Amino acid sequence: QVQLIESGGGLVQAGGSLRLSCAPSGRTFSSYTMGWFRQAPGKEREFVAAISRSRTSTYYADSVKGRFTISNENAKNTVYLQMNNLKPEDTAVYYCAAGPTYYSSSDYYIPNNYNYWGQGTQVTVSS
């Protein structure tokens, strides 16, 4: 059974940093597109960041550009989301997702294009 396991969430003050990790179990995800999404209470799930299957391209939501960085470590089969200068509006449950190869940049932003999801990790930013 394939699972994506997120970790690293928590409570942090505005301006602080957190690093989320996503480690799949059951198979290697080096041949998958990997993404991060988030969902705040009462809101739809929204795209945060993604890294292409080739690991040569990254994509970010406008709201996190310059503050968040997605990266991977093949040796550990792990994808990270480094979050700096956190704001209260970043408060949400963050989900890791894996999907196939995409040929249009717009494909990375759509949750339904991803096949596998983690259980989510809570990030709370206090003002």
Foldseek 3Di string as FASTA:
>chain_A
DKAWAKDWADEEAAQAKIKMKIAMPPDFQLQWKKFKWWDDPPGDIWGAKIAFSPRPDIDGDPVQPPFWDWHDDRVRSMIMIIGGRDDQVVWTWMKMFIAHGDDDPVLRTDPVRTDHIHPTDTHGYHD
